[in-house]
Amino acid sequence: MRVVIAGTLPDPGAVDDVVHEAFVTAYLKLRDYRPGTDLVAWVRAIARNLAHNERRRWLRQRSMQQRYLVEIEERARVAIDAATDKLGAEAMHSLRGCVDALAAPARAVVEQFYSRG
């Protein structure tokens, strides 16, 4: 069951949750199982359906994140600019001094993240 789920999901971190959900779902639907049929195939079908549902949810979420990313970044930029304007030159100078005091690798990470996107 784990292989079926892992092969379907784009997010490896969700595999354990979906496996757990599949076992719980199978247990709760046990009265729907027809004795004499392949139990393993029945449980795999439940796992596959849950994995497909999780995949669709993940893809919808990712699509929404990409669609609104530009808007979120613009709103954040406006908020950062407003906060920066309120801080004044002295605070920005102090902040620059703190960044400059970081070790080279840490300074590069901070500058890449905040200054160069």
PDB file of N, CA and C in Angstrom:
ATOM      1  N   MET A   1       0.826  -1.184   0.000  1.00  0.00           N
ATOM      2  CA  MET A   1       0.000   0.000   0.000  1.00  0.00           C
ATOM      3  C   MET A   1       0.870   1.247   0.000  1.00  0.00           C
ATOM      4  N   ARG A   2       1.947   1.216   0.738  1.00  0.00           N
ATOM      5  CA  ARG A   2       2.845   2.368   0.826  1.00  0.00           C
ATOM      6  C   ARG A   2       3.427   2.716  -0.537  1.00  0.00           C
ATOM      7  N   VAL A   3       3.772   1.708  -1.324  1.00  0.00           N
ATOM      8  CA  VAL A   3       4.341   1.925  -2.653  1.00  0.00           C
ATOM      9  C   VAL A   3       3.303   2.570  -3.572  1.00  0.00           C
ATOM     10  N   VAL A   4       2.064   2.105  -3.497  1.00  0.00           N
ATOM     11  CA  VAL A   4       0.987   2.671  -4.312  1.00  0.00           C
ATOM     12  C   VAL A   4       0.817   4.149  -3.994  1.00  0.00           C
ATOM     13  N   ILE A   5       0.798   4.474  -2.721  1.00  0.00           N
ATOM     14  CA  ILE A   5       0.595   5.854  -2.292  1.00  0.00           C
ATOM     15  C   ILE A   5       1.809   6.707  -2.642  1.00  0.00           C
ATOM     16  N   ALA A   6       2.994   6.229  -2.339  1.00  0.00           N
ATOM     17  CA  ALA A   6       4.212   7.005  -2.610  1.00  0.00           C
ATOM     18  C   ALA A   6       4.391   7.263  -4.103  1.00  0.00           C
ATOM     19  N   GLY A   7       3.963   6.324  -4.928  1.00  0.00           N
ATOM     20  CA  GLY A   7       4.081   6.504  -6.367  1.00  0.00           C
ATOM     21  C   GLY A   7       3.090   7.499  -6.931  1.00  0.00           C
ATOM     22  N   THR A   8       2.078   7.844  -6.177  1.00  0.00           N
ATOM     23  CA  THR A   8       1.031   8.754  -6.637  1.00  0.00           C
ATOM     24  C   THR A   8       1.229  10.175  -6.136  1.00  0.00           C
ATOM     25  N   LEU A   9       1.771  10.298  -4.939  1.00  0.00           N
ATOM     26  CA  LEU A   9       1.839  11.623  -4.311  1.00  0.00           C
ATOM     27  C   LEU A   9       3.098  12.384  -4.717  1.00  0.00           C
ATOM     28  N   PRO A  10       2.947  13.673  -5.039  1.00  0.00           N
ATOM     29  CA  PRO A  10       4.116  14.493  -5.345  1.00  0.00           C
ATOM     30  C   PRO A  10       4.845  14.959  -4.085  1.00  0.00           C
ATOM     31  N   ASP A  11       4.196  14.851  -2.937  1.00  0.00           N
ATOM     32  CA  ASP A  11       4.769  15.313  -1.674  1.00  0.00           C
ATOM     33  C   ASP A  11       5.111  14.110  -0.800  1.00  0.00           C
ATOM     34  N   PRO A  12       6.399  13.736  -0.719  1.00  0.00           N
ATOM     35  CA  PRO A  12       6.772  12.563   0.076  1.00  0.00           C
ATOM     36  C   PRO A  12       6.378  12.682   1.547  1.00  0.00           C
ATOM     37  N   GLY A  13       6.274  13.901   2.035  1.00  0.00           N
ATOM     38  CA  GLY A  13       5.915  14.103   3.435  1.00  0.00           C
ATOM     39  C   GLY A  13       4.488  13.696   3.759  1.00  0.00           C
ATOM     40  N   ALA A  14       3.638  13.559   2.752  1.00  0.00           N
ATOM     41  CA  ALA A  14       2.234  13.213   2.986  1.00  0.00           C
ATOM     42  C   ALA A  14       1.985  11.709   2.953  1.00  0.00           C
ATOM     43  N   VAL A  15       2.976  10.934   2.566  1.00  0.00           N
ATOM     44  CA  VAL A  15       2.781   9.484   2.394  1.00  0.00           C
ATOM     45  C   VAL A  15       2.318   8.824   3.689  1.00  0.00           C
ATOM     46  N   ASP A  16       3.005   9.069   4.787  1.00  0.00           N
ATOM     47  CA  ASP A  16       2.636   8.424   6.055  1.00  0.00           C
ATOM     48  C   ASP A  16       1.213   8.778   6.469  1.00  0.00           C
ATOM     49  N   ASP A  17       0.825  10.036   6.274  1.00  0.00           N
ATOM     50  CA  ASP A  17      -0.535  10.452   6.649  1.00  0.00           C
ATOM     51  C   ASP A  17      -1.583   9.730   5.809  1.00  0.00           C
ATOM     52  N   VAL A  18      -1.333   9.600   4.517  1.00  0.00           N
ATOM     53  CA  VAL A  18      -2.302   8.941   3.648  1.00  0.00           C
ATOM     54  C   VAL A  18      -2.342   7.439   3.929  1.00  0.00           C
ATOM     55  N   VAL A  19      -1.202   6.821   4.219  1.00  0.00           N
ATOM     56  CA  VAL A  19      -1.189   5.403   4.589  1.00  0.00           C
ATOM     57  C   VAL A  19      -2.041   5.200   5.841  1.00  0.00           C
ATOM     58  N   HIS A  20      -1.835   6.049   6.819  1.00  0.00           N
ATOM     59  CA  HIS A  20      -2.621   5.952   8.057  1.00  0.00           C
ATOM     60  C   HIS A  20      -4.105   6.133   7.753  1.00  0.00           C
ATOM     61  N   GLU A  21      -4.422   7.140   6.958  1.00  0.00           N
ATOM     62  CA  GLU A  21      -5.822   7.398   6.599  1.00  0.00           C
ATOM     63  C   GLU A  21      -6.430   6.200   5.850  1.00  0.00           C
ATOM     64  N   ALA A  22      -5.640   5.557   5.004  1.00  0.00           N
ATOM     65  CA  ALA A  22      -6.135   4.396   4.255  1.00  0.00           C
ATOM     66  C   ALA A  22      -6.482   3.254   5.201  1.00  0.00           C
ATOM     67  N   PHE A  23      -5.628   2.985   6.180  1.00  0.00           N
ATOM     68  CA  PHE A  23      -5.921   1.907   7.132  1.00  0.00           C
ATOM     69  C   PHE A  23      -7.158   2.233   7.966  1.00  0.00           C
ATOM     70  N   VAL A  24      -7.275   3.473   8.396  1.00  0.00           N
ATOM     71  CA  VAL A  24      -8.450   3.864   9.184  1.00  0.00           C
ATOM     72  C   VAL A  24      -9.709   3.761   8.327  1.00  0.00           C
ATOM     73  N   THR A  25      -9.637   4.247   7.093  1.00  0.00           N
ATOM     74  CA  THR A  25     -10.792   4.173   6.191  1.00  0.00           C
ATOM     75  C   THR A  25     -11.187   2.725   5.928  1.00  0.00           C
ATOM     76  N   ALA A  26     -10.204   1.878   5.671  1.00  0.00           N
ATOM     77  CA  ALA A  26     -10.494   0.462   5.433  1.00  0.00           C
ATOM     78  C   ALA A  26     -11.167  -0.158   6.657  1.00  0.00           C
ATOM     79  N   TYR A  27     -10.689   0.160   7.832  1.00  0.00           N
ATOM     80  CA  TYR A  27     -11.285  -0.367   9.061  1.00  0.00           C
ATOM     81  C   TYR A  27     -12.731   0.109   9.206  1.00  0.00           C
ATOM     82  N   LEU A  28     -12.960   1.405   8.950  1.00  0.00           N
ATOM     83  CA  LEU A  28     -14.310   1.954   9.096  1.00  0.00           C
ATOM     84  C   LEU A  28     -15.276   1.418   8.040  1.00  0.00           C
ATOM     85  N   LYS A  29     -14.754   1.016   6.891  1.00  0.00           N
ATOM     86  CA  LYS A  29     -15.591   0.491   5.814  1.00  0.00           C
ATOM     87  C   LYS A  29     -15.555  -1.034   5.737  1.00  0.00           C
ATOM     88  N   LEU A  30     -15.037  -1.658   6.749  1.00  0.00           N
ATOM     89  CA  LEU A  30     -14.879  -3.110   6.736  1.00  0.00           C
ATOM     90  C   LEU A  30     -16.203  -3.827   6.456  1.00  0.00           C
ATOM     91  N   ARG A  31     -17.312  -3.276   6.882  1.00  0.00           N
ATOM     92  CA  ARG A  31     -18.601  -3.932   6.634  1.00  0.00           C
ATOM     93  C   ARG A  31     -18.962  -3.908   5.142  1.00  0.00           C
ATOM     94  N   ASP A  32     -18.300  -2.997   4.351  1.00  0.00           N
ATOM     95  CA  ASP A  32     -18.542  -2.951   2.903  1.00  0.00           C
ATOM     96  C   ASP A  32     -17.731  -4.000   2.147  1.00  0.00           C
ATOM     97  N   TYR A  33     -16.745  -4.581   2.801  1.00  0.00           N
ATOM     98  CA  TYR A  33     -15.912  -5.598   2.150  1.00  0.00           C
ATOM     99  C   TYR A  33     -16.737  -6.872   1.944  1.00  0.00           C
ATOM    100  N   ARG A  34     -16.629  -7.437   0.740  1.00  0.00           N
ATOM    101  CA  ARG A  34     -17.346  -8.682   0.419  1.00  0.00           C
ATOM    102  C   ARG A  34     -16.415  -9.861   0.664  1.00  0.00           C
ATOM    103  N   PRO A  35     -16.705 -10.676   1.645  1.00  0.00           N
ATOM    104  CA  PRO A  35     -15.871 -11.858   1.901  1.00  0.00           C
ATOM    105  C   PRO A  35     -15.757 -12.718   0.643  1.00  0.00           C
ATOM    106  N   GLY A  36     -14.577 -13.264   0.450  1.00  0.00           N
ATOM    107  CA  GLY A  36     -14.312 -14.082  -0.715  1.00  0.00           C
ATOM    108  C   GLY A  36     -13.620 -13.310  -1.830  1.00  0.00           C
ATOM    109  N   THR A  37     -13.658 -11.974  -1.747  1.00  0.00           N
ATOM    110  CA  THR A  37     -12.938 -11.166  -2.731  1.00  0.00           C
ATOM    111  C   THR A  37     -11.543 -10.877  -2.179  1.00  0.00           C
ATOM    112  N   ASP A  38     -10.706 -10.298  -3.007  1.00  0.00           N
ATOM    113  CA  ASP A  38      -9.308 -10.047  -2.633  1.00  0.00           C
ATOM    114  C   ASP A  38      -9.221  -8.855  -1.666  1.00  0.00           C
ATOM    115  N   LEU A  39      -8.954  -9.146  -0.407  1.00  0.00           N
ATOM    116  CA  LEU A  39      -8.874  -8.099   0.616  1.00  0.00           C
ATOM    117  C   LEU A  39      -7.744  -7.114   0.318  1.00  0.00           C
ATOM    118  N   VAL A  40      -6.597  -7.623  -0.112  1.00  0.00           N
ATOM    119  CA  VAL A  40      -5.444  -6.758  -0.397  1.00  0.00           C
ATOM    120  C   VAL A  40      -5.789  -5.782  -1.532  1.00  0.00           C
ATOM    121  N   ALA A  41      -6.435  -6.282  -2.575  1.00  0.00           N
ATOM    122  CA  ALA A  41      -6.825  -5.415  -3.695  1.00  0.00           C
ATOM    123  C   ALA A  41      -7.838  -4.369  -3.226  1.00  0.00           C
ATOM    124  N   TRP A  42      -8.741  -4.741  -2.351  1.00  0.00           N
ATOM    125  CA  TRP A  42      -9.750  -3.818  -1.827  1.00  0.00           C
ATOM    126  C   TRP A  42      -9.078  -2.688  -1.033  1.00  0.00           C
ATOM    127  N   VAL A  43      -8.125  -3.052  -0.172  1.00  0.00           N
ATOM    128  CA  VAL A  43      -7.411  -2.049   0.623  1.00  0.00           C
ATOM    129  C   VAL A  43      -6.546  -1.175  -0.291  1.00  0.00           C
ATOM    130  N   ARG A  44      -5.917  -1.780  -1.304  1.00  0.00           N
ATOM    131  CA  ARG A  44      -5.119  -1.000  -2.261  1.00  0.00           C
ATOM    132  C   ARG A  44      -5.989   0.015  -3.013  1.00  0.00           C
ATOM    133  N   ALA A  45      -7.198  -0.383  -3.371  1.00  0.00           N
ATOM    134  CA  ALA A  45      -8.109   0.534  -4.069  1.00  0.00           C
ATOM    135  C   ALA A  45      -8.456   1.722  -3.176  1.00  0.00           C
ATOM    136  N   ILE A  46      -8.685   1.472  -1.913  1.00  0.00           N
ATOM    137  CA  ILE A  46      -8.944   2.568  -0.964  1.00  0.00           C
ATOM    138  C   ILE A  46      -7.727   3.487  -0.898  1.00  0.00           C
ATOM    139  N   ALA A  47      -6.549   2.893  -0.779  1.00  0.00           N
ATOM    140  CA  ALA A  47      -5.307   3.679  -0.697  1.00  0.00           C
ATOM    141  C   ALA A  47      -5.112   4.500  -1.966  1.00  0.00           C
ATOM    142  N   ARG A  48      -5.341   3.886  -3.116  1.00  0.00           N
ATOM    143  CA  ARG A  48      -5.160   4.573  -4.400  1.00  0.00           C
ATOM    144  C   ARG A  48      -6.124   5.767  -4.507  1.00  0.00           C
ATOM    145  N   ASN A  49      -7.378   5.560  -4.113  1.00  0.00           N
ATOM    146  CA  ASN A  49      -8.360   6.657  -4.172  1.00  0.00           C
ATOM    147  C   ASN A  49      -7.974   7.807  -3.241  1.00  0.00           C
ATOM    148  N   LEU A  50      -7.553   7.463  -2.041  1.00  0.00           N
ATOM    149  CA  LEU A  50      -7.127   8.514  -1.099  1.00  0.00           C
ATOM    150  C   LEU A  50      -5.890   9.232  -1.620  1.00  0.00           C
ATOM    151  N   ALA A  51      -4.956   8.500  -2.220  1.00  0.00           N
ATOM    152  CA  ALA A  51      -3.751   9.118  -2.769  1.00  0.00           C
ATOM    153  C   ALA A  51      -4.101  10.060  -3.918  1.00  0.00           C
ATOM    154  N   HIS A  52      -5.033   9.636  -4.780  1.00  0.00           N
ATOM    155  CA  HIS A  52      -5.451  10.513  -5.885  1.00  0.00           C
ATOM    156  C   HIS A  52      -6.131  11.766  -5.357  1.00  0.00           C
ATOM    157  N   ASN A  53      -6.943  11.616  -4.324  1.00  0.00           N
ATOM    158  CA  ASN A  53      -7.588  12.787  -3.719  1.00  0.00           C
ATOM    159  C   ASN A  53      -6.550  13.746  -3.139  1.00  0.00           C
ATOM    160  N   GLU A  54      -5.567  13.181  -2.441  1.00  0.00           N
ATOM    161  CA  GLU A  54      -4.501  14.006  -1.859  1.00  0.00           C
ATOM    162  C   GLU A  54      -3.697  14.687  -2.955  1.00  0.00           C
ATOM    163  N   ARG A  55      -3.417  13.992  -4.042  1.00  0.00           N
ATOM    164  CA  ARG A  55      -2.681  14.569  -5.168  1.00  0.00           C
ATOM    165  C   ARG A  55      -3.448  15.749  -5.775  1.00  0.00           C
ATOM    166  N   ARG A  56      -4.751  15.565  -5.983  1.00  0.00           N
ATOM    167  CA  ARG A  56      -5.568  16.662  -6.518  1.00  0.00           C
ATOM    168  C   ARG A  56      -5.559  17.862  -5.578  1.00  0.00           C
ATOM    169  N   ARG A  57      -5.679  17.588  -4.263  1.00  0.00           N
ATOM    170  CA  ARG A  57      -5.656  18.682  -3.286  1.00  0.00           C
ATOM    171  C   ARG A  57      -4.331  19.418  -3.355  1.00  0.00           C
ATOM    172  N   TRP A  58      -3.215  18.670  -3.424  1.00  0.00           N
ATOM    173  CA  TRP A  58      -1.883  19.264  -3.482  1.00  0.00           C
ATOM    174  C   TRP A  58      -1.724  20.111  -4.742  1.00  0.00           C
ATOM    175  N   LEU A  59      -2.182  19.592  -5.878  1.00  0.00           N
ATOM    176  CA  LEU A  59      -2.072  20.343  -7.137  1.00  0.00           C
ATOM    177  C   LEU A  59      -2.919  21.610  -7.113  1.00  0.00           C
ATOM    178  N   ARG A  60      -4.122  21.534  -6.545  1.00  0.00           N
ATOM    179  CA  ARG A  60      -4.958  22.746  -6.416  1.00  0.00           C
ATOM    180  C   ARG A  60      -4.271  23.785  -5.543  1.00  0.00           C
ATOM    181  N   GLN A  61      -3.725  23.337  -4.428  1.00  0.00           N
ATOM    182  CA  GLN A  61      -3.038  24.254  -3.512  1.00  0.00           C
ATOM    183  C   GLN A  61      -1.836  24.893  -4.192  1.00  0.00           C
ATOM    184  N   ARG A  62      -1.064  24.098  -4.899  1.00  0.00           N
ATOM    185  CA  ARG A  62       0.122  24.617  -5.595  1.00  0.00           C
ATOM    186  C   ARG A  62      -0.279  25.626  -6.673  1.00  0.00           C
ATOM    187  N   SER A  63      -1.331  25.313  -7.402  1.00  0.00           N
ATOM    188  CA  SER A  63      -1.823  26.223  -8.442  1.00  0.00           C
ATOM    189  C   SER A  63      -2.246  27.551  -7.824  1.00  0.00           C
ATOM    190  N   MET A  64      -2.956  27.486  -6.702  1.00  0.00           N
ATOM    191  CA  MET A  64      -3.395  28.701  -6.030  1.00  0.00           C
ATOM    192  C   MET A  64      -2.190  29.504  -5.528  1.00  0.00           C
ATOM    193  N   GLN A  65      -1.201  28.829  -4.978  1.00  0.00           N
ATOM    194  CA  GLN A  65      -0.021  29.530  -4.487  1.00  0.00           C
ATOM    195  C   GLN A  65       0.690  30.259  -5.618  1.00  0.00           C
ATOM    196  N   GLN A  66       0.840  29.610  -6.753  1.00  0.00           N
ATOM    197  CA  GLN A  66       1.511  30.239  -7.891  1.00  0.00           C
ATOM    198  C   GLN A  66       0.689  31.403  -8.431  1.00  0.00           C
ATOM    199  N   ARG A  67      -0.628  31.230  -8.461  1.00  0.00           N
ATOM    200  CA  ARG A  67      -1.509  32.276  -8.985  1.00  0.00           C
ATOM    201  C   ARG A  67      -1.432  33.548  -8.140  1.00  0.00           C
ATOM    202  N   TYR A  68      -1.339  33.393  -6.837  1.00  0.00           N
ATOM    203  CA  TYR A  68      -1.376  34.547  -5.952  1.00  0.00           C
ATOM    204  C   TYR A  68       0.000  34.987  -5.460  1.00  0.00           C
ATOM    205  N   LEU A  69       1.049  34.299  -5.879  1.00  0.00           N
ATOM    206  CA  LEU A  69       2.390  34.626  -5.414  1.00  0.00           C
ATOM    207  C   LEU A  69       2.780  36.064  -5.750  1.00  0.00           C
ATOM    208  N   VAL A  70       2.503  36.496  -6.970  1.00  0.00           N
ATOM    209  CA  VAL A  70       2.854  37.858  -7.379  1.00  0.00           C
ATOM    210  C   VAL A  70       2.128  38.879  -6.504  1.00  0.00           C
ATOM    211  N   GLU A  71       0.854  38.647  -6.262  1.00  0.00           N
ATOM    212  CA  GLU A  71       0.084  39.573  -5.433  1.00  0.00           C
ATOM    213  C   GLU A  71       0.607  39.595  -3.997  1.00  0.00           C
ATOM    214  N   ILE A  72       0.923  38.439  -3.466  1.00  0.00           N
ATOM    215  CA  ILE A  72       1.444  38.361  -2.097  1.00  0.00           C
ATOM    216  C   ILE A  72       2.790  39.083  -1.998  1.00  0.00           C
ATOM    217  N   GLU A  73       3.672  38.849  -2.975  1.00  0.00           N
ATOM    218  CA  GLU A  73       4.978  39.507  -2.957  1.00  0.00           C
ATOM    219  C   GLU A  73       4.833  41.021  -3.066  1.00  0.00           C
ATOM    220  N   GLU A  74       3.906  41.486  -3.889  1.00  0.00           N
ATOM    221  CA  GLU A  74       3.705  42.937  -4.036  1.00  0.00           C
ATOM    222  C   GLU A  74       3.187  43.541  -2.734  1.00  0.00           C
ATOM    223  N   ARG A  75       2.247  42.870  -2.102  1.00  0.00           N
ATOM    224  CA  ARG A  75       1.733  43.380  -0.822  1.00  0.00           C
ATOM    225  C   ARG A  75       2.830  43.386   0.242  1.00  0.00           C
ATOM    226  N   ALA A  76       3.656  42.357   0.241  1.00  0.00           N
ATOM    227  CA  ALA A  76       4.760  42.304   1.197  1.00  0.00           C
ATOM    228  C   ALA A  76       5.754  43.425   0.918  1.00  0.00           C
ATOM    229  N   ARG A  77       6.044  43.667  -0.362  1.00  0.00           N
ATOM    230  CA  ARG A  77       6.980  44.738  -0.721  1.00  0.00           C
ATOM    231  C   ARG A  77       6.460  46.087  -0.237  1.00  0.00           C
ATOM    232  N   VAL A  78       5.165  46.344  -0.444  1.00  0.00           N
ATOM    233  CA  VAL A  78       4.562  47.604  -0.002  1.00  0.00           C
ATOM    234  C   VAL A  78       4.664  47.728   1.516  1.00  0.00           C
ATOM    235  N   ALA A  79       4.365  46.641   2.239  1.00  0.00           N
ATOM    236  CA  ALA A  79       4.436  46.662   3.704  1.00  0.00           C
ATOM    237  C   ALA A  79       5.863  46.866   4.180  1.00  0.00           C
ATOM    238  N   ILE A  80       6.819  46.221   3.531  1.00  0.00           N
ATOM    239  CA  ILE A  80       8.231  46.385   3.911  1.00  0.00           C
ATOM    240  C   ILE A  80       8.694  47.808   3.635  1.00  0.00           C
ATOM    241  N   ASP A  81       8.304  48.352   2.472  1.00  0.00           N
ATOM    242  CA  ASP A  81       8.672  49.731   2.153  1.00  0.00           C
ATOM    243  C   ASP A  81       8.102  50.707   3.172  1.00  0.00           C
ATOM    244  N   ALA A  82       6.850  50.504   3.567  1.00  0.00           N
ATOM    245  CA  ALA A  82       6.221  51.383   4.558  1.00  0.00           C
ATOM    246  C   ALA A  82       6.939  51.278   5.897  1.00  0.00           C
ATOM    247  N   ALA A  83       7.276  50.064   6.310  1.00  0.00           N
ATOM    248  CA  ALA A  83       7.987  49.880   7.582  1.00  0.00           C
ATOM    249  C   ALA A  83       9.371  50.499   7.511  1.00  0.00           C
ATOM    250  N   THR A  84      10.035  50.353   6.384  1.00  0.00           N
ATOM    251  CA  THR A  84      11.367  50.919   6.209  1.00  0.00           C
ATOM    252  C   THR A  84      11.327  52.437   6.285  1.00  0.00           C
ATOM    253  N   ASP A  85      10.323  53.027   5.669  1.00  0.00           N
ATOM    254  CA  ASP A  85      10.186  54.487   5.707  1.00  0.00           C
ATOM    255  C   ASP A  85      10.001  54.984   7.136  1.00  0.00           C
ATOM    256  N   LYS A  86       9.297  54.223   7.961  1.00  0.00           N
ATOM    257  CA  LYS A  86       9.049  54.616   9.344  1.00  0.00           C
ATOM    258  C   LYS A  86      10.305  54.469  10.206  1.00  0.00           C
ATOM    259  N   LEU A  87      11.157  53.542   9.856  1.00  0.00           N
ATOM    260  CA  LEU A  87      12.347  53.296  10.663  1.00  0.00           C
ATOM    261  C   LEU A  87      13.334  54.459  10.621  1.00  0.00           C
ATOM    262  N   GLY A  88      13.450  55.046   9.493  1.00  0.00           N
ATOM    263  CA  GLY A  88      14.395  56.133   9.362  1.00  0.00           C
ATOM    264  C   GLY A  88      15.792  55.643   9.008  1.00  0.00           C
ATOM    265  N   ALA A  89      16.613  56.571   8.619  1.00  0.00           N
ATOM    266  CA  ALA A  89      17.961  56.265   8.125  1.00  0.00           C
ATOM    267  C   ALA A  89      18.839  55.646   9.212  1.00  0.00           C
ATOM    268  N   GLU A  90      18.697  56.090  10.452  1.00  0.00           N
ATOM    269  CA  GLU A  90      19.564  55.591  11.525  1.00  0.00           C
ATOM    270  C   GLU A  90      19.333  54.099  11.772  1.00  0.00           C
ATOM    271  N   ALA A  91      18.068  53.691  11.815  1.00  0.00           N
ATOM    272  CA  ALA A  91      17.763  52.285  12.042  1.00  0.00           C
ATOM    273  C   ALA A  91      18.260  51.428  10.875  1.00  0.00           C
ATOM    274  N   MET A  92      18.102  51.927   9.665  1.00  0.00           N
ATOM    275  CA  MET A  92      18.563  51.176   8.496  1.00  0.00           C
ATOM    276  C   MET A  92      20.088  51.062   8.505  1.00  0.00           C
ATOM    277  N   HIS A  93      20.758  52.113   8.946  1.00  0.00           N
ATOM    278  CA  HIS A  93      22.215  52.078   9.044  1.00  0.00           C
ATOM    279  C   HIS A  93      22.645  51.027  10.076  1.00  0.00           C
ATOM    280  N   SER A  94      21.946  50.972  11.214  1.00  0.00           N
ATOM    281  CA  SER A  94      22.245  49.975  12.250  1.00  0.00           C
ATOM    282  C   SER A  94      22.005  48.559  11.728  1.00  0.00           C
ATOM    283  N   LEU A  95      20.914  48.384  11.008  1.00  0.00           N
ATOM    284  CA  LEU A  95      20.606  47.081  10.439  1.00  0.00           C
ATOM    285  C   LEU A  95      21.679  46.658   9.436  1.00  0.00           C
ATOM    286  N   ARG A  96      22.117  47.586   8.615  1.00  0.00           N
ATOM    287  CA  ARG A  96      23.176  47.287   7.638  1.00  0.00           C
ATOM    288  C   ARG A  96      24.452  46.870   8.371  1.00  0.00           C
ATOM    289  N   GLY A  97      24.753  47.528   9.493  1.00  0.00           N
ATOM    290  CA  GLY A  97      25.919  47.164  10.297  1.00  0.00           C
ATOM    291  C   GLY A  97      25.811  45.748  10.836  1.00  0.00           C
ATOM    292  N   CYS A  98      24.609  45.359  11.256  1.00  0.00           N
ATOM    293  CA  CYS A  98      24.394  43.986  11.753  1.00  0.00           C
ATOM    294  C   CYS A  98      24.613  42.968  10.641  1.00  0.00           C
ATOM    295  N   VAL A  99      24.082  43.245   9.483  1.00  0.00           N
ATOM    296  CA  VAL A  99      24.247  42.325   8.352  1.00  0.00           C
ATOM    297  C   VAL A  99      25.711  42.238   7.961  1.00  0.00           C
ATOM    298  N   ASP A 100      26.389  43.375   7.928  1.00  0.00           N
ATOM    299  CA  ASP A 100      27.819  43.387   7.572  1.00  0.00           C
ATOM    300  C   ASP A 100      28.668  42.612   8.577  1.00  0.00           C
ATOM    301  N   ALA A 101      28.205  42.530   9.831  1.00  0.00           N
ATOM    302  CA  ALA A 101      28.963  41.834  10.869  1.00  0.00           C
ATOM    303  C   ALA A 101      28.807  40.309  10.789  1.00  0.00           C
ATOM    304  N   LEU A 102      27.871  39.831   9.992  1.00  0.00           N
ATOM    305  CA  LEU A 102      27.680  38.386   9.861  1.00  0.00           C
ATOM    306  C   LEU A 102      28.860  37.755   9.135  1.00  0.00           C
ATOM    307  N   ALA A 103      29.068  36.475   9.392  1.00  0.00           N
ATOM    308  CA  ALA A 103      30.087  35.722   8.646  1.00  0.00           C
ATOM    309  C   ALA A 103      29.673  35.703   7.173  1.00  0.00           C
ATOM    310  N   ALA A 104      30.648  35.607   6.300  1.00  0.00           N
ATOM    311  CA  ALA A 104      30.401  35.725   4.861  1.00  0.00           C
ATOM    312  C   ALA A 104      29.258  34.826   4.354  1.00  0.00           C
ATOM    313  N   PRO A 105      29.220  33.534   4.702  1.00  0.00           N
ATOM    314  CA  PRO A 105      28.123  32.702   4.168  1.00  0.00           C
ATOM    315  C   PRO A 105      26.746  33.168   4.653  1.00  0.00           C
ATOM    316  N   ALA A 106      26.652  33.507   5.931  1.00  0.00           N
ATOM    317  CA  ALA A 106      25.375  33.968   6.475  1.00  0.00           C
ATOM    318  C   ALA A 106      24.980  35.312   5.859  1.00  0.00           C
ATOM    319  N   ARG A 107      25.936  36.190   5.695  1.00  0.00           N
ATOM    320  CA  ARG A 107      25.675  37.499   5.086  1.00  0.00           C
ATOM    321  C   ARG A 107      25.158  37.314   3.653  1.00  0.00           C
ATOM    322  N   ALA A 108      25.771  36.402   2.918  1.00  0.00           N
ATOM    323  CA  ALA A 108      25.350  36.153   1.537  1.00  0.00           C
ATOM    324  C   ALA A 108      23.912  35.644   1.485  1.00  0.00           C
ATOM    325  N   VAL A 109      23.567  34.757   2.418  1.00  0.00           N
ATOM    326  CA  VAL A 109      22.201  34.222   2.450  1.00  0.00           C
ATOM    327  C   VAL A 109      21.206  35.339   2.737  1.00  0.00           C
ATOM    328  N   VAL A 110      21.488  36.158   3.740  1.00  0.00           N
ATOM    329  CA  VAL A 110      20.586  37.257   4.099  1.00  0.00           C
ATOM    330  C   VAL A 110      20.438  38.223   2.936  1.00  0.00           C
ATOM    331  N   GLU A 111      21.540  38.591   2.308  1.00  0.00           N
ATOM    332  CA  GLU A 111      21.484  39.536   1.195  1.00  0.00           C
ATOM    333  C   GLU A 111      20.732  38.932   0.008  1.00  0.00           C
ATOM    334  N   GLN A 112      20.978  37.669  -0.279  1.00  0.00           N
ATOM    335  CA  GLN A 112      20.258  37.030  -1.390  1.00  0.00           C
ATOM    336  C   GLN A 112      18.761  36.991  -1.114  1.00  0.00           C
ATOM    337  N   PHE A 113      18.390  36.647   0.100  1.00  0.00           N
ATOM    338  CA  PHE A 113      16.983  36.499   0.415  1.00  0.00           C
ATOM    339  C   PHE A 113      16.252  37.837   0.446  1.00  0.00           C
ATOM    340  N   TYR A 114      16.841  38.830   1.110  1.00  0.00           N
ATOM    341  CA  TYR A 114      16.113  40.089   1.316  1.00  0.00           C
ATOM    342  C   TYR A 114      16.405  41.131   0.234  1.00  0.00           C
ATOM    343  N   SER A 115      17.573  41.130  -0.310  1.00  0.00           N
ATOM    344  CA  SER A 115      17.907  42.178  -1.261  1.00  0.00           C
ATOM    345  C   SER A 115      17.691  41.777  -2.700  1.00  0.00           C
ATOM    346  N   ARG A 116      17.894  40.514  -3.002  1.00  0.00           N
ATOM    347  CA  ARG A 116      17.855  40.096  -4.398  1.00  0.00           C
ATOM    348  C   ARG A 116      16.738  39.101  -4.688  1.00  0.00           C
ATOM    349  N   GLY A 117      15.815  38.984  -3.775  1.00  0.00           N
ATOM    350  CA  GLY A 117      14.666  38.095  -3.998  1.00  0.00           C
ATOM    351  C   GLY A 117      15.032  36.647  -3.964  1.00  0.00           C
TER     352      GLY A 117
END
